[in-house]
Amino acid sequence: MLARGLEVSAVGLGCMGMSAFYGETDEQESIAAIRQALAIGISFLDTADMYREAFGENEQLVGRAIAGRRDEVVLSTKFGNAPNPDGSFRIDSGA
């Protein structure tokens, strides 16, 4: 347990656009961007299961980018986003 609590960089990196929503994506470029963020002191990364073509894709991408460096990163992820037939999303807690 951390004696002082959880500490993160003042600036974080949102990873949504690395897997979906803003057009073409490039895995190697995304991994390089995450690694550069770590190199300049960013320690907070944000992801979610819905940032993807397939659920969990962005979380897996982030995992590949931080392999061997997990202790340098605080991860934030959201879950429970379920697709509707029309392509929109709803929150589904599974309950």
PDB file of N, CA and C in Angstrom:
ATOM      1  N   MET A   1       0.843  -1.180   0.000  1.00  0.00           N
ATOM      2  CA  MET A   1       0.000   0.000   0.000  1.00  0.00           C
ATOM      3  C   MET A   1       0.887   1.242   0.000  1.00  0.00           C
ATOM      4  N   LEU A   2       0.504   2.234  -0.747  1.00  0.00           N
ATOM      5  CA  LEU A   2       1.251   3.488  -0.808  1.00  0.00           C
ATOM      6  C   LEU A   2       0.982   4.311   0.438  1.00  0.00           C
ATOM      7  N   ALA A   3       2.029   4.779   1.047  1.00  0.00           N
ATOM      8  CA  ALA A   3       1.876   5.575   2.265  1.00  0.00           C
ATOM      9  C   ALA A   3       1.258   6.940   1.969  1.00  0.00           C
ATOM     10  N   ARG A   4       1.590   7.540   0.827  1.00  0.00           N
ATOM     11  CA  ARG A   4       1.109   8.883   0.507  1.00  0.00           C
ATOM     12  C   ARG A   4      -0.118   8.866  -0.390  1.00  0.00           C
ATOM     13  N   GLY A   5      -0.549   7.742  -0.824  1.00  0.00           N
ATOM     14  CA  GLY A   5      -1.679   7.667  -1.735  1.00  0.00           C
ATOM     15  C   GLY A   5      -1.211   7.594  -3.176  1.00  0.00           C
ATOM     16  N   LEU A   6      -2.147   7.556  -4.054  1.00  0.00           N
ATOM     17  CA  LEU A   6      -1.867   7.436  -5.479  1.00  0.00           C
ATOM     18  C   LEU A   6      -1.445   8.782  -6.046  1.00  0.00           C
ATOM     19  N   GLU A   7      -0.348   8.798  -6.780  1.00  0.00           N
ATOM     20  CA  GLU A   7       0.148  10.023  -7.400  1.00  0.00           C
ATOM     21  C   GLU A   7       0.291   9.806  -8.898  1.00  0.00           C
ATOM     22  N   VAL A   8      -0.144  10.801  -9.665  1.00  0.00           N
ATOM     23  CA  VAL A   8      -0.029  10.736 -11.122  1.00  0.00           C
ATOM     24  C   VAL A   8       0.526  12.056 -11.634  1.00  0.00           C
ATOM     25  N   SER A   9       0.945  12.052 -12.882  1.00  0.00           N
ATOM     26  CA  SER A   9       1.411  13.281 -13.516  1.00  0.00           C
ATOM     27  C   SER A   9       0.248  14.258 -13.653  1.00  0.00           C
ATOM     28  N   ALA A  10       0.560  15.535 -13.732  1.00  0.00           N
ATOM     29  CA  ALA A  10      -0.476  16.571 -13.880  1.00  0.00           C
ATOM     30  C   ALA A  10      -1.193  16.446 -15.224  1.00  0.00           C
ATOM     31  N   VAL A  11      -0.515  15.904 -16.215  1.00  0.00           N
ATOM     32  CA  VAL A  11      -1.088  15.694 -17.542  1.00  0.00           C
ATOM     33  C   VAL A  11      -1.142  14.189 -17.792  1.00  0.00           C
ATOM     34  N   GLY A  12      -2.267  13.735 -18.311  1.00  0.00           N
ATOM     35  CA  GLY A  12      -2.418  12.333 -18.657  1.00  0.00           C
ATOM     36  C   GLY A  12      -2.530  12.171 -20.159  1.00  0.00           C
ATOM     37  N   LEU A  13      -2.548  10.927 -20.600  1.00  0.00           N
ATOM     38  CA  LEU A  13      -2.690  10.625 -22.021  1.00  0.00           C
ATOM     39  C   LEU A  13      -3.953   9.803 -22.229  1.00  0.00           C
ATOM     40  N   GLY A  14      -4.893  10.362 -22.973  1.00  0.00           N
ATOM     41  CA  GLY A  14      -6.089   9.635 -23.362  1.00  0.00           C
ATOM     42  C   GLY A  14      -5.788   8.822 -24.612  1.00  0.00           C
ATOM     43  N   CYS A  15      -6.102   7.549 -24.569  1.00  0.00           N
ATOM     44  CA  CYS A  15      -5.702   6.640 -25.643  1.00  0.00           C
ATOM     45  C   CYS A  15      -6.830   6.267 -26.601  1.00  0.00           C
ATOM     46  N   MET A  16      -7.994   6.881 -26.485  1.00  0.00           N
ATOM     47  CA  MET A  16      -9.154   6.508 -27.292  1.00  0.00           C
ATOM     48  C   MET A  16      -8.859   6.531 -28.790  1.00  0.00           C
ATOM     49  N   GLY A  17      -8.297   7.601 -29.283  1.00  0.00           N
ATOM     50  CA  GLY A  17      -8.070   7.747 -30.713  1.00  0.00           C
ATOM     51  C   GLY A  17      -7.038   6.799 -31.280  1.00  0.00           C
ATOM     52  N   MET A  18      -6.373   6.052 -30.417  1.00  0.00           N
ATOM     53  CA  MET A  18      -5.351   5.122 -30.888  1.00  0.00           C
ATOM     54  C   MET A  18      -5.946   3.832 -31.437  1.00  0.00           C
ATOM     55  N   SER A  19      -7.227   3.603 -31.177  1.00  0.00           N
ATOM     56  CA  SER A  19      -7.871   2.377 -31.649  1.00  0.00           C
ATOM     57  C   SER A  19      -9.183   2.605 -32.374  1.00  0.00           C
ATOM     58  N   ALA A  20      -9.757   3.792 -32.261  1.00  0.00           N
ATOM     59  CA  ALA A  20     -11.084   3.985 -32.864  1.00  0.00           C
ATOM     60  C   ALA A  20     -11.485   5.446 -32.865  1.00  0.00           C
ATOM     61  N   PHE A  21     -12.556   5.723 -33.554  1.00  0.00           N
ATOM     62  CA  PHE A  21     -13.319   6.962 -33.513  1.00  0.00           C
ATOM     63  C   PHE A  21     -12.797   8.129 -34.352  1.00  0.00           C
ATOM     64  N   TYR A  22     -11.527   8.239 -34.601  1.00  0.00           N
ATOM     65  CA  TYR A  22     -11.013   9.413 -35.304  1.00  0.00           C
ATOM     66  C   TYR A  22     -10.372   9.078 -36.636  1.00  0.00           C
ATOM     67  N   GLY A  23     -10.743   7.965 -37.236  1.00  0.00           N
ATOM     68  CA  GLY A  23     -10.182   7.592 -38.524  1.00  0.00           C
ATOM     69  C   GLY A  23      -9.154   6.486 -38.416  1.00  0.00           C
ATOM     70  N   GLU A  24      -8.278   6.436 -39.406  1.00  0.00           N
ATOM     71  CA  GLU A  24      -7.252   5.391 -39.469  1.00  0.00           C
ATOM     72  C   GLU A  24      -6.393   5.393 -38.204  1.00  0.00           C
ATOM     73  N   THR A  25      -5.980   4.203 -37.787  1.00  0.00           N
ATOM     74  CA  THR A  25      -5.094   4.080 -36.636  1.00  0.00           C
ATOM     75  C   THR A  25      -3.840   3.315 -37.047  1.00  0.00           C
ATOM     76  N   ASP A  26      -2.785   3.505 -36.295  1.00  0.00           N
ATOM     77  CA  ASP A  26      -1.512   2.844 -36.571  1.00  0.00           C
ATOM     78  C   ASP A  26      -0.964   2.349 -35.236  1.00  0.00           C
ATOM     79  N   GLU A  27      -0.969   1.045 -35.049  1.00  0.00           N
ATOM     80  CA  GLU A  27      -0.554   0.481 -33.769  1.00  0.00           C
ATOM     81  C   GLU A  27       0.865   0.875 -33.379  1.00  0.00           C
ATOM     82  N   GLN A  28       1.797   0.790 -34.298  1.00  0.00           N
ATOM     83  CA  GLN A  28       3.187   1.111 -33.968  1.00  0.00           C
ATOM     84  C   GLN A  28       3.340   2.584 -33.593  1.00  0.00           C
ATOM     85  N   GLU A  29       2.630   3.456 -34.298  1.00  0.00           N
ATOM     86  CA  GLU A  29       2.673   4.882 -33.974  1.00  0.00           C
ATOM     87  C   GLU A  29       2.055   5.135 -32.597  1.00  0.00           C
ATOM     88  N   SER A  30       0.984   4.441 -32.296  1.00  0.00           N
ATOM     89  CA  SER A  30       0.323   4.591 -30.999  1.00  0.00           C
ATOM     90  C   SER A  30       1.222   4.114 -29.869  1.00  0.00           C
ATOM     91  N   ILE A  31       1.861   2.973 -30.063  1.00  0.00           N
ATOM     92  CA  ILE A  31       2.784   2.461 -29.048  1.00  0.00           C
ATOM     93  C   ILE A  31       3.934   3.436 -28.851  1.00  0.00           C
ATOM     94  N   ALA A  32       4.456   3.980 -29.944  1.00  0.00           N
ATOM     95  CA  ALA A  32       5.542   4.967 -29.844  1.00  0.00           C
ATOM     96  C   ALA A  32       5.079   6.206 -29.080  1.00  0.00           C
ATOM     97  N   ALA A  33       3.838   6.647 -29.309  1.00  0.00           N
ATOM     98  CA  ALA A  33       3.311   7.825 -28.609  1.00  0.00           C
ATOM     99  C   ALA A  33       3.193   7.557 -27.110  1.00  0.00           C
ATOM    100  N   ILE A  34       2.711   6.379 -26.744  1.00  0.00           N
ATOM    101  CA  ILE A  34       2.600   6.036 -25.319  1.00  0.00           C
ATOM    102  C   ILE A  34       3.985   5.985 -24.683  1.00  0.00           C
ATOM    103  N   ARG A  35       4.923   5.378 -25.358  1.00  0.00           N
ATOM    104  CA  ARG A  35       6.292   5.280 -24.805  1.00  0.00           C
ATOM    105  C   ARG A  35       6.950   6.659 -24.702  1.00  0.00           C
ATOM    106  N   GLN A  36       6.679   7.540 -25.650  1.00  0.00           N
ATOM    107  CA  GLN A  36       7.205   8.901 -25.571  1.00  0.00           C
ATOM    108  C   GLN A  36       6.573   9.644 -24.402  1.00  0.00           C
ATOM    109  N   ALA A  37       5.281   9.439 -24.197  1.00  0.00           N
ATOM    110  CA  ALA A  37       4.613  10.059 -23.053  1.00  0.00           C
ATOM    111  C   ALA A  37       5.284   9.630 -21.748  1.00  0.00           C
ATOM    112  N   LEU A  38       5.590   8.338 -21.625  1.00  0.00           N
ATOM    113  CA  LEU A  38       6.283   7.860 -20.424  1.00  0.00           C
ATOM    114  C   LEU A  38       7.663   8.502 -20.307  1.00  0.00           C
ATOM    115  N   ALA A  39       8.336   8.623 -21.426  1.00  0.00           N
ATOM    116  CA  ALA A  39       9.690   9.196 -21.429  1.00  0.00           C
ATOM    117  C   ALA A  39       9.711  10.639 -20.960  1.00  0.00           C
ATOM    118  N   ILE A  40       8.635  11.383 -21.206  1.00  0.00           N
ATOM    119  CA  ILE A  40       8.614  12.792 -20.782  1.00  0.00           C
ATOM    120  C   ILE A  40       7.905  12.998 -19.442  1.00  0.00           C
ATOM    121  N   GLY A  41       7.591  11.881 -18.774  1.00  0.00           N
ATOM    122  CA  GLY A  41       7.071  11.991 -17.414  1.00  0.00           C
ATOM    123  C   GLY A  41       5.573  11.835 -17.244  1.00  0.00           C
ATOM    124  N   ILE A  42       4.853  11.525 -18.295  1.00  0.00           N
ATOM    125  CA  ILE A  42       3.415  11.275 -18.150  1.00  0.00           C
ATOM    126  C   ILE A  42       3.245   9.879 -17.566  1.00  0.00           C
ATOM    127  N   SER A  43       2.522   9.797 -16.460  1.00  0.00           N
ATOM    128  CA  SER A  43       2.359   8.508 -15.790  1.00  0.00           C
ATOM    129  C   SER A  43       0.899   8.060 -15.709  1.00  0.00           C
ATOM    130  N   PHE A  44      -0.018   8.842 -16.271  1.00  0.00           N
ATOM    131  CA  PHE A  44      -1.448   8.515 -16.211  1.00  0.00           C
ATOM    132  C   PHE A  44      -1.974   8.252 -17.611  1.00  0.00           C
ATOM    133  N   LEU A  45      -2.482   7.038 -17.838  1.00  0.00           N
ATOM    134  CA  LEU A  45      -3.036   6.650 -19.132  1.00  0.00           C
ATOM    135  C   LEU A  45      -4.499   6.286 -18.960  1.00  0.00           C
ATOM    136  N   ASP A  46      -5.327   6.753 -19.899  1.00  0.00           N
ATOM    137  CA  ASP A  46      -6.761   6.500 -19.855  1.00  0.00           C
ATOM    138  C   ASP A  46      -7.182   5.653 -21.053  1.00  0.00           C
ATOM    139  N   THR A  47      -7.958   4.598 -20.793  1.00  0.00           N
ATOM    140  CA  THR A  47      -8.442   3.700 -21.830  1.00  0.00           C
ATOM    141  C   THR A  47      -9.849   3.236 -21.468  1.00  0.00           C
ATOM    142  N   ALA A  48     -10.452   2.415 -22.298  1.00  0.00           N
ATOM    143  CA  ALA A  48     -11.764   1.825 -22.010  1.00  0.00           C
ATOM    144  C   ALA A  48     -11.992   0.640 -22.928  1.00  0.00           C
ATOM    145  N   ASP A  49     -12.875  -0.256 -22.490  1.00  0.00           N
ATOM    146  CA  ASP A  49     -13.137  -1.436 -23.308  1.00  0.00           C
ATOM    147  C   ASP A  49     -13.808  -1.085 -24.627  1.00  0.00           C
ATOM    148  N   MET A  50     -14.481   0.044 -24.707  1.00  0.00           N
ATOM    149  CA  MET A  50     -15.185   0.398 -25.941  1.00  0.00           C
ATOM    150  C   MET A  50     -14.320   1.161 -26.945  1.00  0.00           C
ATOM    151  N   TYR A  51     -13.090   1.488 -26.614  1.00  0.00           N
ATOM    152  CA  TYR A  51     -12.198   2.188 -27.542  1.00  0.00           C
ATOM    153  C   TYR A  51     -11.594   1.154 -28.480  1.00  0.00           C
ATOM    154  N   ARG A  52     -12.308   0.828 -29.587  1.00  0.00           N
ATOM    155  CA  ARG A  52     -11.875  -0.318 -30.354  1.00  0.00           C
ATOM    156  C   ARG A  52     -12.687  -0.611 -31.604  1.00  0.00           C
ATOM    157  N   GLU A  53     -12.172  -1.574 -32.320  1.00  0.00           N
ATOM    158  CA  GLU A  53     -12.948  -2.308 -33.309  1.00  0.00           C
ATOM    159  C   GLU A  53     -13.506  -3.556 -32.622  1.00  0.00           C
ATOM    160  N   ALA A  54     -12.725  -4.156 -31.733  1.00  0.00           N
ATOM    161  CA  ALA A  54     -13.161  -5.301 -30.929  1.00  0.00           C
ATOM    162  C   ALA A  54     -12.994  -4.913 -29.459  1.00  0.00           C
ATOM    163  N   PHE A  55     -13.944  -5.283 -28.610  1.00  0.00           N
ATOM    164  CA  PHE A  55     -13.884  -4.890 -27.205  1.00  0.00           C
ATOM    165  C   PHE A  55     -12.546  -5.280 -26.586  1.00  0.00           C
ATOM    166  N   GLY A  56     -11.971  -4.355 -25.855  1.00  0.00           N
ATOM    167  CA  GLY A  56     -10.708  -4.582 -25.175  1.00  0.00           C
ATOM    168  C   GLY A  56      -9.481  -4.288 -26.021  1.00  0.00           C
ATOM    169  N   GLU A  57      -9.663  -3.974 -27.283  1.00  0.00           N
ATOM    170  CA  GLU A  57      -8.527  -3.763 -28.188  1.00  0.00           C
ATOM    171  C   GLU A  57      -7.597  -2.648 -27.702  1.00  0.00           C
ATOM    172  N   ASN A  58      -8.164  -1.529 -27.252  1.00  0.00           N
ATOM    173  CA  ASN A  58      -7.327  -0.413 -26.808  1.00  0.00           C
ATOM    174  C   ASN A  58      -6.589  -0.774 -25.521  1.00  0.00           C
ATOM    175  N   GLU A  59      -7.258  -1.464 -24.625  1.00  0.00           N
ATOM    176  CA  GLU A  59      -6.598  -1.886 -23.387  1.00  0.00           C
ATOM    177  C   GLU A  59      -5.420  -2.810 -23.701  1.00  0.00           C
ATOM    178  N   GLN A  60      -5.582  -3.686 -24.682  1.00  0.00           N
ATOM    179  CA  GLN A  60      -4.488  -4.577 -25.079  1.00  0.00           C
ATOM    180  C   GLN A  60      -3.345  -3.788 -25.713  1.00  0.00           C
ATOM    181  N   LEU A  61      -3.687  -2.803 -26.525  1.00  0.00           N
ATOM    182  CA  LEU A  61      -2.669  -1.939 -27.130  1.00  0.00           C
ATOM    183  C   LEU A  61      -1.850  -1.243 -26.043  1.00  0.00           C
ATOM    184  N   VAL A  62      -2.527  -0.665 -25.075  1.00  0.00           N
ATOM    185  CA  VAL A  62      -1.836   0.002 -23.973  1.00  0.00           C
ATOM    186  C   VAL A  62      -0.948  -1.003 -23.243  1.00  0.00           C
ATOM    187  N   GLY A  63      -1.452  -2.208 -23.027  1.00  0.00           N
ATOM    188  CA  GLY A  63      -0.662  -3.245 -22.370  1.00  0.00           C
ATOM    189  C   GLY A  63       0.630  -3.565 -23.117  1.00  0.00           C
ATOM    190  N   ARG A  64       0.537  -3.651 -24.443  1.00  0.00           N
ATOM    191  CA  ARG A  64       1.747  -3.908 -25.237  1.00  0.00           C
ATOM    192  C   ARG A  64       2.724  -2.737 -25.118  1.00  0.00           C
ATOM    193  N   ALA A  65       2.197  -1.527 -25.088  1.00  0.00           N
ATOM    194  CA  ALA A  65       3.058  -0.340 -25.029  1.00  0.00           C
ATOM    195  C   ALA A  65       3.801  -0.221 -23.699  1.00  0.00           C
ATOM    196  N   ILE A  66       3.177  -0.671 -22.618  1.00  0.00           N
ATOM    197  CA  ILE A  66       3.806  -0.508 -21.303  1.00  0.00           C
ATOM    198  C   ILE A  66       4.438  -1.794 -20.787  1.00  0.00           C
ATOM    199  N   ALA A  67       4.512  -2.816 -21.623  1.00  0.00           N
ATOM    200  CA  ALA A  67       5.109  -4.089 -21.209  1.00  0.00           C
ATOM    201  C   ALA A  67       6.485  -3.850 -20.597  1.00  0.00           C
ATOM    202  N   GLY A  68       6.682  -4.408 -19.423  1.00  0.00           N
ATOM    203  CA  GLY A  68       7.948  -4.247 -18.720  1.00  0.00           C
ATOM    204  C   GLY A  68       8.070  -2.930 -17.960  1.00  0.00           C
ATOM    205  N   ARG A  69       7.054  -2.076 -18.054  1.00  0.00           N
ATOM    206  CA  ARG A  69       7.109  -0.756 -17.397  1.00  0.00           C
ATOM    207  C   ARG A  69       5.851  -0.494 -16.571  1.00  0.00           C
ATOM    208  N   ARG A  70       5.101  -1.539 -16.252  1.00  0.00           N
ATOM    209  CA  ARG A  70       3.817  -1.386 -15.580  1.00  0.00           C
ATOM    210  C   ARG A  70       3.921  -0.569 -14.291  1.00  0.00           C
ATOM    211  N   ASP A  71       5.028  -0.697 -13.597  1.00  0.00           N
ATOM    212  CA  ASP A  71       5.183   0.023 -12.326  1.00  0.00           C
ATOM    213  C   ASP A  71       5.342   1.531 -12.506  1.00  0.00           C
ATOM    214  N   GLU A  72       5.488   2.008 -13.733  1.00  0.00           N
ATOM    215  CA  GLU A  72       5.632   3.443 -14.008  1.00  0.00           C
ATOM    216  C   GLU A  72       4.312   4.119 -14.348  1.00  0.00           C
ATOM    217  N   VAL A  73       3.229   3.343 -14.422  1.00  0.00           N
ATOM    218  CA  VAL A  73       1.981   3.847 -15.000  1.00  0.00           C
ATOM    219  C   VAL A  73       0.800   3.648 -14.054  1.00  0.00           C
ATOM    220  N   VAL A  74      -0.061   4.655 -14.013  1.00  0.00           N
ATOM    221  CA  VAL A  74      -1.376   4.510 -13.393  1.00  0.00           C
ATOM    222  C   VAL A  74      -2.371   4.441 -14.546  1.00  0.00           C
ATOM    223  N   LEU A  75      -3.145   3.364 -14.584  1.00  0.00           N
ATOM    224  CA  LEU A  75      -4.109   3.158 -15.657  1.00  0.00           C
ATOM    225  C   LEU A  75      -5.521   3.462 -15.179  1.00  0.00           C
ATOM    226  N   SER A  76      -6.262   4.103 -16.037  1.00  0.00           N
ATOM    227  CA  SER A  76      -7.681   4.329 -15.814  1.00  0.00           C
ATOM    228  C   SER A  76      -8.415   3.666 -16.956  1.00  0.00           C
ATOM    229  N   THR A  77      -9.414   2.858 -16.635  1.00  0.00           N
ATOM    230  CA  THR A  77     -10.215   2.243 -17.683  1.00  0.00           C
ATOM    231  C   THR A  77     -11.678   2.271 -17.280  1.00  0.00           C
ATOM    232  N   LYS A  78     -12.518   2.333 -18.272  1.00  0.00           N
ATOM    233  CA  LYS A  78     -13.950   2.276 -18.049  1.00  0.00           C
ATOM    234  C   LYS A  78     -14.451   0.968 -18.643  1.00  0.00           C
ATOM    235  N   PHE A  79     -15.544   0.439 -18.101  1.00  0.00           N
ATOM    236  CA  PHE A  79     -16.077  -0.820 -18.611  1.00  0.00           C
ATOM    237  C   PHE A  79     -17.592  -0.796 -18.503  1.00  0.00           C
ATOM    238  N   GLY A  80     -18.223  -1.783 -19.103  1.00  0.00           N
ATOM    239  CA  GLY A  80     -19.668  -1.883 -19.053  1.00  0.00           C
ATOM    240  C   GLY A  80     -20.367  -1.199 -20.206  1.00  0.00           C
ATOM    241  N   ASN A  81     -19.610  -0.683 -21.164  1.00  0.00           N
ATOM    242  CA  ASN A  81     -20.208  -0.056 -22.344  1.00  0.00           C
ATOM    243  C   ASN A  81     -20.611  -1.159 -23.312  1.00  0.00           C
ATOM    244  N   ALA A  82     -21.897  -1.248 -23.587  1.00  0.00           N
ATOM    245  CA  ALA A  82     -22.402  -2.306 -24.461  1.00  0.00           C
ATOM    246  C   ALA A  82     -23.005  -1.682 -25.717  1.00  0.00           C
ATOM    247  N   PRO A  83     -22.752  -2.284 -26.879  1.00  0.00           N
ATOM    248  CA  PRO A  83     -23.307  -1.733 -28.117  1.00  0.00           C
ATOM    249  C   PRO A  83     -24.779  -2.069 -28.288  1.00  0.00           C
ATOM    250  N   ASN A  84     -25.532  -1.130 -28.788  1.00  0.00           N
ATOM    251  CA  ASN A  84     -26.913  -1.359 -29.211  1.00  0.00           C
ATOM    252  C   ASN A  84     -26.893  -1.757 -30.677  1.00  0.00           C
ATOM    253  N   PRO A  85     -27.960  -2.373 -31.179  1.00  0.00           N
ATOM    254  CA  PRO A  85     -28.006  -2.777 -32.596  1.00  0.00           C
ATOM    255  C   PRO A  85     -27.786  -1.617 -33.563  1.00  0.00           C
ATOM    256  N   ASP A  86     -28.146  -0.381 -33.156  1.00  0.00           N
ATOM    257  CA  ASP A  86     -27.992   0.772 -34.050  1.00  0.00           C
ATOM    258  C   ASP A  86     -26.590   1.386 -34.006  1.00  0.00           C
ATOM    259  N   GLY A  87     -25.682   0.789 -33.229  1.00  0.00           N
ATOM    260  CA  GLY A  87     -24.310   1.296 -33.137  1.00  0.00           C
ATOM    261  C   GLY A  87     -24.080   2.228 -31.976  1.00  0.00           C
ATOM    262  N   SER A  88     -25.122   2.694 -31.316  1.00  0.00           N
ATOM    263  CA  SER A  88     -24.948   3.530 -30.124  1.00  0.00           C
ATOM    264  C   SER A  88     -24.565   2.622 -28.950  1.00  0.00           C
ATOM    265  N   PHE A  89     -24.279   3.231 -27.814  1.00  0.00           N
ATOM    266  CA  PHE A  89     -23.839   2.467 -26.645  1.00  0.00           C
ATOM    267  C   PHE A  89     -24.751   2.717 -25.467  1.00  0.00           C
ATOM    268  N   ARG A  90     -24.793   1.732 -24.598  1.00  0.00           N
ATOM    269  CA  ARG A  90     -25.500   1.851 -23.323  1.00  0.00           C
ATOM    270  C   ARG A  90     -24.581   1.318 -22.233  1.00  0.00           C
ATOM    271  N   ILE A  91     -24.809   1.723 -21.007  1.00  0.00           N
ATOM    272  CA  ILE A  91     -24.060   1.187 -19.869  1.00  0.00           C
ATOM    273  C   ILE A  91     -24.767  -0.081 -19.427  1.00  0.00           C
ATOM    274  N   ASP A  92     -24.016  -1.179 -19.362  1.00  0.00           N
ATOM    275  CA  ASP A  92     -24.572  -2.474 -18.988  1.00  0.00           C
ATOM    276  C   ASP A  92     -23.705  -3.046 -17.881  1.00  0.00           C
ATOM    277  N   SER A  93     -24.219  -3.028 -16.675  1.00  0.00           N
ATOM    278  CA  SER A  93     -23.456  -3.523 -15.532  1.00  0.00           C
ATOM    279  C   SER A  93     -23.479  -5.030 -15.423  1.00  0.00           C
ATOM    280  N   GLY A  94     -24.271  -5.686 -16.273  1.00  0.00           N
ATOM    281  CA  GLY A  94     -24.358  -7.135 -16.214  1.00  0.00           C
ATOM    282  C   GLY A  94     -25.361  -7.613 -15.184  1.00  0.00           C
ATOM    283  N   ALA A  95     -25.969  -6.679 -14.460  1.00  0.00           N
ATOM    284  CA  ALA A  95     -26.926  -7.065 -13.412  1.00  0.00           C
ATOM    285  C   ALA A  95     -28.282  -7.366 -14.006  1.00  0.00           C
TER     286      ALA A  95
END
